[in-house]
Amino acid sequence: LLLRMDGRPLSAQKKEMLPSIRIASIGAPSEGISSPSISPPHSTPTSPPSFLTSPRDPLAKLPDTLHVALSPPTSTSQKHKKLKKQSKNDNAFHSLPNFKNLSPNLSKSQKKKTPMFGTQLETVVQIEGSEVPWIVLKTISLLDQLLETEGLFRQAGSLNSVIEIKKCCNKWAIVDFERYPEPHTIASVLKAFLRELPEPLLSGELYDDYIKVVDLPVKDEQIKVLKGLVGQLPLANRLLAMVFFRFLGRVSSYSSQNKMTATNLSVIFAPPLLWKPELSQNEILQHTPRTFQIVTLLIENRDYIFGE
């Protein structure tokens, strides 16, 4: 029923001339009569997630800003799937970039001339466009799930498998570690990368200063001097050393199962980490106990030495 504004019926001829008002539903007060309003559909714009809008400054705080993304292996046997023990600062990184191309800054011809193993550390990270070499981050990520393996770094892995992995890396290709689930093989690859660096990770130029640290009578003073020496390392060396020694700390925290105490680890890693080319065989033998002490101190005091 259509009504005029004064309430009388509207003639058919004038229906198109005057605006019409629909009668409100029964029970509604007369003043409730109103023209229906239909709100246009409204959609709230979705804000992009913070990690897309917040710029990353990966080197703003050295100890806390190494972010890497690696997926854990999916086909490793249940025997080796171990839940890693969490610790305060050792877990500063656990989510790292999945590289689709390990060498974005390298042409095909350059790849043949520049292998990953045996190349200067700064060159490797520059080629990858990374902060720490992918092979180091990947092997650590896998070994973090295998920390209870006895003799993790003491026992050698499959030589043929290590050679295959190195060949793949030297072509700057992604390694399918599902084919190589054996813990000692993965550990051997990590040892090989560090051992084959042309210059020691802890810098040959600082070698004499490291050796003198042991002569200091107070342990706290030794640790402070070591922190200062680490601070003098090139950035690529410092980042890798931070990641690696924190990892060794996690390994040593499982020493009751894996038999890898900080002292045992120092025996394995002091030779590839701390040396200089011009040393005679006799000097190497004389300095060996000191290098063991230095690496042990770096492992046991990693939070302070590699902290802010």
Protein backbone atom coordinates (compact mmCIF):
# COMPACT_ATOMS: atom_id res chain seq x y z
CA LEU A 1 0.00 0.00 0.00
CA LEU A 2 1.37 3.43 -0.96
CA LEU A 3 0.37 6.57 0.96
CA ARG A 4 0.75 10.25 0.42
CA MET A 5 2.86 12.19 2.86
CA ASP A 6 -0.42 13.30 4.62
CA GLY A 7 -1.61 9.71 5.01
CA ARG A 8 -4.26 9.56 2.25
CA PRO A 9 -4.23 6.95 -0.59
CA LEU A 10 -2.25 7.91 -3.61
CA SER A 11 -3.96 7.87 -6.98
CA ALA A 12 -2.48 5.62 -9.65
CA GLN A 13 -1.76 8.56 -11.95
CA LYS A 14 0.47 10.22 -9.39
CA LYS A 15 2.39 7.19 -8.24
CA GLU A 16 5.38 8.09 -10.33
CA MET A 17 5.28 11.79 -9.27
CA LEU A 18 5.71 11.51 -5.50
CA PRO A 19 8.26 9.64 -3.44
CA SER A 20 6.81 6.62 -1.69
CA ILE A 21 7.40 5.36 1.86
CA ARG A 22 6.85 1.77 2.92
CA ILE A 23 4.83 1.22 6.10
CA ALA A 24 6.93 -0.05 8.97
CA SER A 25 6.35 -3.58 10.16
CA ILE A 26 3.49 -4.25 12.57
CA GLY A 27 4.29 -3.32 16.12
CA ALA A 28 6.93 -0.75 15.21
CA PRO A 29 6.19 2.81 16.37
CA SER A 30 5.11 5.28 13.72
CA GLU A 31 8.22 7.35 14.16
CA GLY A 32 10.19 4.26 13.26
CA ILE A 33 9.04 4.55 9.67
CA SER A 34 12.07 5.29 7.60
CA SER A 35 13.64 4.69 4.29
CA PRO A 36 15.66 1.48 4.35
CA SER A 37 19.38 2.04 4.24
CA ILE A 38 21.60 -0.55 2.70
CA SER A 39 25.22 -0.22 3.62
CA PRO A 40 27.62 -0.91 0.80
CA PRO A 41 29.81 -3.94 1.39
CA HIS A 42 32.86 -2.97 3.43
CA SER A 43 36.10 -4.91 3.47
CA THR A 44 38.92 -4.08 5.84
CA PRO A 45 42.26 -4.04 4.01
CA THR A 46 44.54 -6.75 5.26
CA SER A 47 47.88 -5.48 6.54
CA PRO A 48 50.92 -7.34 5.32
CA PRO A 49 52.70 -9.39 7.98
CA SER A 50 55.36 -7.56 9.95
CA PHE A 51 58.17 -9.65 8.58
CA LEU A 52 57.40 -8.28 5.10
CA THR A 53 57.26 -4.65 6.18
CA SER A 54 60.01 -4.54 8.80
CA PRO A 55 63.39 -4.17 7.12
CA ARG A 56 66.06 -6.56 8.36
CA ASP A 57 69.40 -5.25 9.42
CA PRO A 58 71.24 -8.58 9.69
CA LEU A 59 74.40 -7.08 11.14
CA ALA A 60 72.84 -4.64 13.59
CA LYS A 61 73.51 -6.91 16.56
CA LEU A 62 76.12 -9.47 15.77
CA PRO A 63 75.29 -12.25 18.26
CA ASP A 64 71.52 -12.24 17.76
CA THR A 65 70.87 -11.56 14.14
CA LEU A 66 71.96 -14.52 12.14
CA HIS A 67 68.75 -15.75 10.52
CA VAL A 68 68.95 -18.79 8.34
CA ALA A 69 66.23 -21.06 6.97
CA LEU A 70 66.71 -24.74 6.63
CA SER A 71 64.17 -27.51 6.75
CA PRO A 72 65.05 -30.54 8.86
CA PRO A 73 65.49 -33.78 6.92
CA THR A 74 62.26 -35.67 6.41
CA SER A 75 63.58 -39.14 5.73
CA THR A 76 66.26 -39.52 8.40
CA SER A 77 65.79 -42.78 10.24
CA GLN A 78 63.90 -42.65 13.53
CA LYS A 79 67.04 -43.85 15.26
CA HIS A 80 68.76 -40.52 14.59
CA LYS A 81 65.81 -38.17 15.22
CA LYS A 82 66.81 -36.62 18.54
CA LEU A 83 65.25 -33.63 20.25
CA LYS A 84 67.99 -31.09 20.76
CA LYS A 85 68.52 -29.62 24.21
CA GLN A 86 67.69 -25.93 24.33
CA SER A 87 70.10 -23.47 25.91
CA LYS A 88 69.99 -19.76 26.57
CA ASN A 89 72.12 -18.22 23.83
CA ASP A 90 73.26 -21.18 21.75
CA ASN A 91 69.99 -21.06 19.77
CA ALA A 92 70.52 -17.53 18.43
CA PHE A 93 69.76 -18.87 14.98
CA HIS A 94 67.60 -21.73 13.88
CA SER A 95 65.64 -20.49 10.94
CA LEU A 96 67.77 -19.84 7.80
CA PRO A 97 67.10 -18.94 4.07
CA ASN A 98 66.42 -21.86 1.79
CA PHE A 99 68.77 -21.19 -1.10
CA LYS A 100 67.49 -22.05 -4.56
CA ASN A 101 70.71 -20.83 -6.09
CA LEU A 102 73.90 -21.00 -4.04
CA SER A 103 75.81 -18.72 -6.37
CA PRO A 104 73.65 -15.76 -7.48
CA ASN A 105 76.77 -13.64 -7.96
CA LEU A 106 78.71 -16.16 -10.03
CA SER A 107 78.60 -16.85 -13.76
CA LYS A 108 78.79 -20.39 -15.14
CA SER A 109 82.39 -19.92 -16.24
CA GLN A 110 83.36 -18.61 -12.80
CA LYS A 111 81.76 -21.60 -11.09
CA LYS A 112 84.25 -23.92 -12.76
CA LYS A 113 87.15 -21.83 -11.50
CA THR A 114 85.89 -21.14 -7.95
CA PRO A 115 85.05 -24.19 -5.83
CA MET A 116 83.31 -23.80 -2.49
CA PHE A 117 85.83 -25.90 -0.57
CA GLY A 118 89.30 -24.39 -0.35
CA THR A 119 88.19 -20.87 -1.28
CA GLN A 120 88.60 -17.77 0.90
CA LEU A 121 85.72 -17.46 3.37
CA GLU A 122 84.88 -13.89 2.34
CA THR A 123 84.71 -15.00 -1.30
CA VAL A 124 82.34 -17.86 -0.48
CA VAL A 125 79.83 -15.66 1.36
CA GLN A 126 80.07 -13.02 -1.35
CA ILE A 127 79.33 -15.59 -4.06
CA GLU A 128 76.36 -16.97 -2.10
CA GLY A 129 75.07 -13.60 -1.01
CA SER A 130 74.95 -15.05 2.51
CA GLU A 131 76.31 -14.25 5.97
CA VAL A 132 77.65 -17.73 6.73
CA PRO A 133 78.35 -20.43 4.10
CA TRP A 134 75.32 -22.57 3.33
CA ILE A 135 77.19 -25.85 3.82
CA VAL A 136 78.12 -24.84 7.39
CA LEU A 137 74.57 -23.83 8.27
CA LYS A 138 73.07 -26.92 6.66
CA THR A 139 75.39 -29.41 8.35
CA ILE A 140 74.93 -27.72 11.74
CA SER A 141 71.16 -27.73 11.26
CA LEU A 142 71.24 -31.49 10.63
CA LEU A 143 73.74 -32.27 13.39
CA ASP A 144 71.65 -30.36 15.91
CA GLN A 145 69.19 -33.25 15.65
CA LEU A 146 71.91 -35.85 16.17
CA LEU A 147 73.72 -34.47 19.20
CA GLU A 148 73.52 -37.72 21.16
CA THR A 149 75.52 -39.63 18.56
CA GLU A 150 78.59 -41.12 20.23
CA GLY A 151 81.90 -39.89 18.86
CA LEU A 152 80.09 -37.38 16.66
CA PHE A 153 83.28 -35.68 15.45
CA ARG A 154 85.81 -38.29 16.52
CA GLN A 155 84.66 -41.02 14.15
CA ALA A 156 85.11 -40.56 10.40
CA GLY A 157 82.18 -40.75 8.02
CA SER A 158 81.97 -42.41 4.63
CA LEU A 159 84.85 -41.11 2.51
CA ASN A 160 82.98 -41.73 -0.75
CA SER A 161 79.94 -39.83 0.53
CA VAL A 162 82.07 -36.90 1.68
CA ILE A 163 83.73 -36.74 -1.75
CA GLU A 164 80.32 -36.76 -3.48
CA ILE A 165 79.01 -33.97 -1.25
CA LYS A 166 82.12 -31.85 -1.82
CA LYS A 167 81.85 -32.31 -5.60
CA CYS A 168 78.26 -31.12 -5.50
CA CYS A 169 79.17 -28.11 -3.34
CA ASN A 170 82.09 -27.21 -5.58
CA LYS A 171 79.60 -26.90 -8.45
CA TRP A 172 77.54 -24.56 -6.22
CA ALA A 173 74.61 -26.95 -6.29
CA ILE A 174 72.22 -27.80 -3.45
CA VAL A 175 73.13 -31.08 -1.74
CA ASP A 176 70.33 -33.58 -1.13
CA PHE A 177 71.31 -34.65 2.38
CA GLU A 178 68.45 -37.15 2.52
CA ARG A 179 70.85 -39.36 0.59
CA TYR A 180 73.47 -38.91 3.33
CA PRO A 181 71.72 -39.29 6.70
CA GLU A 182 74.71 -40.83 8.53
CA PRO A 183 75.77 -38.41 11.34
CA HIS A 184 79.53 -38.98 11.07
CA THR A 185 79.45 -38.27 7.33
CA ILE A 186 77.68 -34.95 7.89
CA ALA A 187 80.17 -34.09 10.65
CA SER A 188 83.09 -34.99 8.36
CA VAL A 189 81.83 -32.57 5.70
CA LEU A 190 81.74 -29.73 8.24
CA LYS A 191 85.27 -30.58 9.43
CA ALA A 192 86.50 -30.71 5.84
CA PHE A 193 85.16 -27.25 5.03
CA LEU A 194 86.91 -25.70 8.03
CA ARG A 195 90.12 -27.65 7.45
CA GLU A 196 90.35 -26.62 3.79
CA LEU A 197 89.95 -22.88 4.34
CA PRO A 198 93.08 -21.21 2.89
CA GLU A 199 93.43 -19.17 6.07
CA PRO A 200 92.50 -20.28 9.60
CA LEU A 201 89.09 -19.22 10.85
CA LEU A 202 90.62 -17.53 13.92
CA SER A 203 93.18 -15.66 11.74
CA GLY A 204 96.83 -16.54 11.33
CA GLU A 205 97.76 -12.89 11.87
CA LEU A 206 96.52 -13.13 15.46
CA TYR A 207 98.11 -16.53 16.12
CA ASP A 208 100.95 -15.24 18.34
CA ASP A 209 98.49 -13.21 20.40
CA TYR A 210 96.33 -16.28 20.99
CA ILE A 211 99.34 -18.31 22.11
CA LYS A 212 100.32 -15.62 24.64
CA VAL A 213 96.84 -15.72 26.24
CA VAL A 214 97.72 -18.93 28.07
CA ASP A 215 100.56 -17.13 29.88
CA LEU A 216 98.14 -14.82 31.67
CA PRO A 217 97.87 -15.96 35.31
CA VAL A 218 94.15 -15.24 35.81
CA LYS A 219 91.51 -17.11 33.81
CA ASP A 220 89.14 -14.15 33.72
CA GLU A 221 91.88 -12.09 32.12
CA GLN A 222 92.47 -14.81 29.52
CA ILE A 223 88.79 -14.76 28.60
CA LYS A 224 88.71 -10.96 28.28
CA VAL A 225 91.74 -10.97 25.99
CA LEU A 226 90.16 -13.72 23.85
CA LYS A 227 87.02 -11.62 23.48
CA GLY A 228 89.16 -8.73 22.25
CA LEU A 229 90.99 -10.93 19.75
CA VAL A 230 87.72 -12.32 18.38
CA GLY A 231 86.53 -8.75 17.94
CA GLN A 232 89.47 -8.13 15.59
CA LEU A 233 88.44 -10.91 13.19
CA PRO A 234 87.06 -10.02 9.75
CA LEU A 235 83.27 -9.92 9.78
CA ALA A 236 82.82 -13.18 7.84
CA ASN A 237 85.18 -14.98 10.24
CA ARG A 238 83.49 -13.51 13.29
CA LEU A 239 80.01 -14.54 12.17
CA LEU A 240 81.08 -18.07 11.33
CA ALA A 241 83.06 -18.40 14.57
CA MET A 242 80.04 -17.23 16.57
CA VAL A 243 77.75 -19.79 14.94
CA PHE A 244 80.32 -22.59 15.12
CA PHE A 245 81.38 -22.17 18.75
CA ARG A 246 77.80 -21.89 19.92
CA PHE A 247 77.14 -25.13 18.07
CA LEU A 248 80.15 -26.75 19.78
CA GLY A 249 78.64 -25.61 23.06
CA ARG A 250 75.46 -27.53 22.26
CA VAL A 251 77.53 -30.57 21.29
CA SER A 252 79.44 -30.48 24.58
CA SER A 253 76.18 -30.18 26.55
CA TYR A 254 75.46 -33.78 25.42
CA SER A 255 78.91 -35.06 26.38
CA SER A 256 77.49 -37.73 28.68
CA GLN A 257 75.99 -39.38 25.58
CA ASN A 258 78.29 -38.36 22.72
CA LYS A 259 81.59 -38.32 24.70
CA MET A 260 82.39 -34.94 23.14
CA THR A 261 83.46 -32.68 26.02
CA ALA A 262 84.81 -29.18 25.35
CA THR A 263 88.34 -30.56 25.83
CA ASN A 264 87.77 -33.43 23.39
CA LEU A 265 86.32 -31.02 20.84
CA SER A 266 89.34 -28.75 21.20
CA VAL A 267 91.65 -31.65 20.31
CA ILE A 268 89.69 -32.13 17.08
CA PHE A 269 89.17 -28.50 16.07
CA ALA A 270 92.21 -26.58 17.35
CA PRO A 271 94.44 -27.75 14.43
CA PRO A 272 92.11 -26.49 11.62
CA LEU A 273 90.98 -23.35 13.48
CA LEU A 274 94.24 -22.02 14.92
CA TRP A 275 97.49 -22.12 12.90
CA LYS A 276 99.77 -20.07 10.71
CA PRO A 277 101.70 -21.22 7.63
CA GLU A 278 105.22 -20.35 8.70
CA LEU A 279 105.27 -22.56 11.80
CA SER A 280 107.89 -25.31 11.92
CA GLN A 281 106.90 -28.81 12.93
CA ASN A 282 108.69 -28.33 16.23
CA GLU A 283 106.76 -25.10 16.96
CA ILE A 284 103.49 -26.80 16.14
CA LEU A 285 104.25 -29.54 18.67
CA GLN A 286 105.24 -27.00 21.32
CA HIS A 287 102.11 -24.90 20.81
CA THR A 288 99.61 -27.75 20.54
CA PRO A 289 98.67 -27.86 24.27
CA ARG A 290 98.15 -24.09 24.21
CA THR A 291 95.88 -24.21 21.18
CA PHE A 292 93.82 -26.90 22.92
CA GLN A 293 93.43 -24.62 25.96
CA ILE A 294 92.42 -21.66 23.81
CA VAL A 295 89.72 -23.54 21.89
CA THR A 296 88.42 -25.04 25.15
CA LEU A 297 88.11 -21.53 26.60
CA LEU A 298 86.27 -20.35 23.48
CA ILE A 299 83.75 -23.20 23.78
CA GLU A 300 83.18 -22.91 27.51
CA ASN A 301 82.90 -19.10 27.50
CA ARG A 302 81.15 -18.66 24.15
CA ASP A 303 78.29 -16.57 25.57
CA TYR A 304 80.64 -13.88 26.87
CA ILE A 305 83.26 -14.02 24.10
CA PHE A 306 80.77 -13.93 21.22
CA GLY A 307 78.21 -11.76 23.02
CA GLU A 308 77.69 -8.03 22.64
